[in-house]
C-alpha atoms as a PDB file:
ATOM      1  CA  MET A   1     -18.023 -10.847   7.112  1.00  0.00           C
ATOM      2  CA  PRO A   2     -16.438  -8.550   4.489  1.00  0.00           C
ATOM      3  CA  LYS A   3     -13.835  -9.964   2.120  1.00  0.00           C
ATOM      4  CA  ARG A   4     -10.291  -9.116   3.081  1.00  0.00           C
ATOM      5  CA  ARG A   5      -8.737  -6.893   0.433  1.00  0.00           C
ATOM      6  CA  MET A   6      -5.238  -6.647   1.856  1.00  0.00           C
ATOM      7  CA  LYS A   7      -3.045  -9.033   3.765  1.00  0.00           C
ATOM      8  CA  ILE A   8       0.307  -8.909   5.524  1.00  0.00           C
ATOM      9  CA  ALA A   9       2.895  -9.183   2.839  1.00  0.00           C
ATOM     10  CA  SER A  10       4.997 -12.376   2.543  1.00  0.00           C
ATOM     11  CA  LEU A  11       8.597 -11.080   2.324  1.00  0.00           C
ATOM     12  CA  ASP A  12      11.940 -12.791   1.869  1.00  0.00           C
ATOM     13  CA  GLU A  13      14.777 -12.072   4.261  1.00  0.00           C
ATOM     14  CA  ALA A  14      16.133  -9.283   1.993  1.00  0.00           C
ATOM     15  CA  GLY A  15      12.772  -7.575   1.925  1.00  0.00           C
ATOM     16  CA  ILE A  16      12.435  -7.861   5.625  1.00  0.00           C
ATOM     17  CA  LYS A  17      15.911  -6.397   6.148  1.00  0.00           C
ATOM     18  CA  ARG A  18      15.020  -3.450   3.888  1.00  0.00           C
ATOM     19  CA  ILE A  19      11.880  -2.736   5.902  1.00  0.00           C
ATOM     20  CA  HIS A  20      13.731  -2.980   9.210  1.00  0.00           C
ATOM     21  CA  GLN A  21      16.452  -0.645   7.862  1.00  0.00           C
ATOM     22  CA  MET A  22      13.722   1.874   6.969  1.00  0.00           C
ATOM     23  CA  GLU A  23      12.078   1.564  10.342  1.00  0.00           C
ATOM     24  CA  GLU A  24      15.326   2.355  12.060  1.00  0.00           C
ATOM     25  CA  SER A  25      16.039   5.220   9.745  1.00  0.00           C
ATOM     26  CA  PHE A  26      12.617   6.756  10.121  1.00  0.00           C
ATOM     27  CA  GLY A  27      12.125   5.907  13.797  1.00  0.00           C
ATOM     28  CA  THR A  28       8.797   4.315  13.082  1.00  0.00           C
ATOM     29  CA  LEU A  29       7.129   1.017  12.600  1.00  0.00           C
ATOM     30  CA  ILE A  30       6.196  -0.009   9.006  1.00  0.00           C
ATOM     31  CA  VAL A  31       3.553  -2.597   8.040  1.00  0.00           C
ATOM     32  CA  ALA A  32       4.022  -4.248   4.608  1.00  0.00           C
ATOM     33  CA  LEU A  33       0.636  -5.148   2.937  1.00  0.00           C
ATOM     34  CA  GLU A  34      -0.089  -6.805  -0.327  1.00  0.00           C
ATOM     35  CA  PRO A  35      -3.366  -6.915  -2.271  1.00  0.00           C
ATOM     36  CA  HIS A  36      -5.503  -9.958  -1.685  1.00  0.00           C
ATOM     37  CA  VAL A  37      -7.691  -9.137  -4.702  1.00  0.00           C
ATOM     38  CA  PRO A  38      -6.668  -7.514  -8.057  1.00  0.00           C
ATOM     39  CA  LEU A  39      -5.846  -3.859  -7.999  1.00  0.00           C
ATOM     40  CA  ALA A  40      -7.410  -1.654 -10.694  1.00  0.00           C
ATOM     41  CA  GLU A  41      -5.242  -0.619 -13.614  1.00  0.00           C
ATOM     42  CA  LEU A  42      -5.545   3.171 -13.589  1.00  0.00           C
ATOM     43  CA  SER A  43      -4.559   5.707 -16.285  1.00  0.00           C
ATOM     44  CA  ASP A  44      -1.960   8.374 -15.415  1.00  0.00           C
ATOM     45  CA  GLU A  45      -4.732  10.890 -15.130  1.00  0.00           C
ATOM     46  CA  GLN A  46      -6.700   8.687 -12.776  1.00  0.00           C
ATOM     47  CA  VAL A  47      -3.641   8.068 -10.574  1.00  0.00           C
ATOM     48  CA  LYS A  48      -3.069  11.864 -10.333  1.00  0.00           C
ATOM     49  CA  LYS A  49      -6.724  12.347  -9.297  1.00  0.00           C
ATOM     50  CA  LEU A  50      -6.536   9.599  -6.668  1.00  0.00           C
ATOM     51  CA  GLN A  51      -3.132  11.064  -5.299  1.00  0.00           C
ATOM     52  CA  ALA A  52      -4.821  14.523  -5.110  1.00  0.00           C
ATOM     53  CA  VAL A  53      -7.636  13.271  -3.053  1.00  0.00           C
ATOM     54  CA  GLU A  54      -5.172  11.304  -0.819  1.00  0.00           C
ATOM     55  CA  GLN A  55      -3.358  14.513  -0.235  1.00  0.00           C
ATOM     56  CA  ASP A  56      -6.532  16.448   0.529  1.00  0.00           C
ATOM     57  CA  LEU A  57      -7.883  13.864   2.913  1.00  0.00           C
ATOM     58  CA  GLY A  58      -4.679  12.640   4.408  1.00  0.00           C
ATOM     59  CA  VAL A  59      -5.428   9.014   3.641  1.00  0.00           C
ATOM     60  CA  VAL A  60      -4.186   6.189   1.440  1.00  0.00           C
ATOM     61  CA  LEU A  61      -6.619   5.186  -1.291  1.00  0.00           C
ATOM     62  CA  ILE A  62      -6.485   1.838  -3.100  1.00  0.00           C
ATOM     63  CA  ALA A  63      -8.485   1.139  -6.192  1.00  0.00           C
ATOM     64  CA  TYR A  64      -9.624  -2.549  -6.676  1.00  0.00           C
ATOM     65  CA  GLN A  65     -10.743  -4.214  -9.922  1.00  0.00           C
ATOM     66  CA  VAL A  66     -14.416  -5.094  -9.897  1.00  0.00           C
END
């Protein structure tokens, strides 16, 4: 079984309230995730490249530390 890299975020009541307010405002459901393994520290240039590929592919990319 592959390692889980993300898990459902543990939020306090204030965080949950903020998410619920956004859901109501957007008319959507929102899932809060947090990394289960260390995220990679990217340079500004690397972040821009990652965001450009996200835009092109219509996905969310997450870089993990190896």
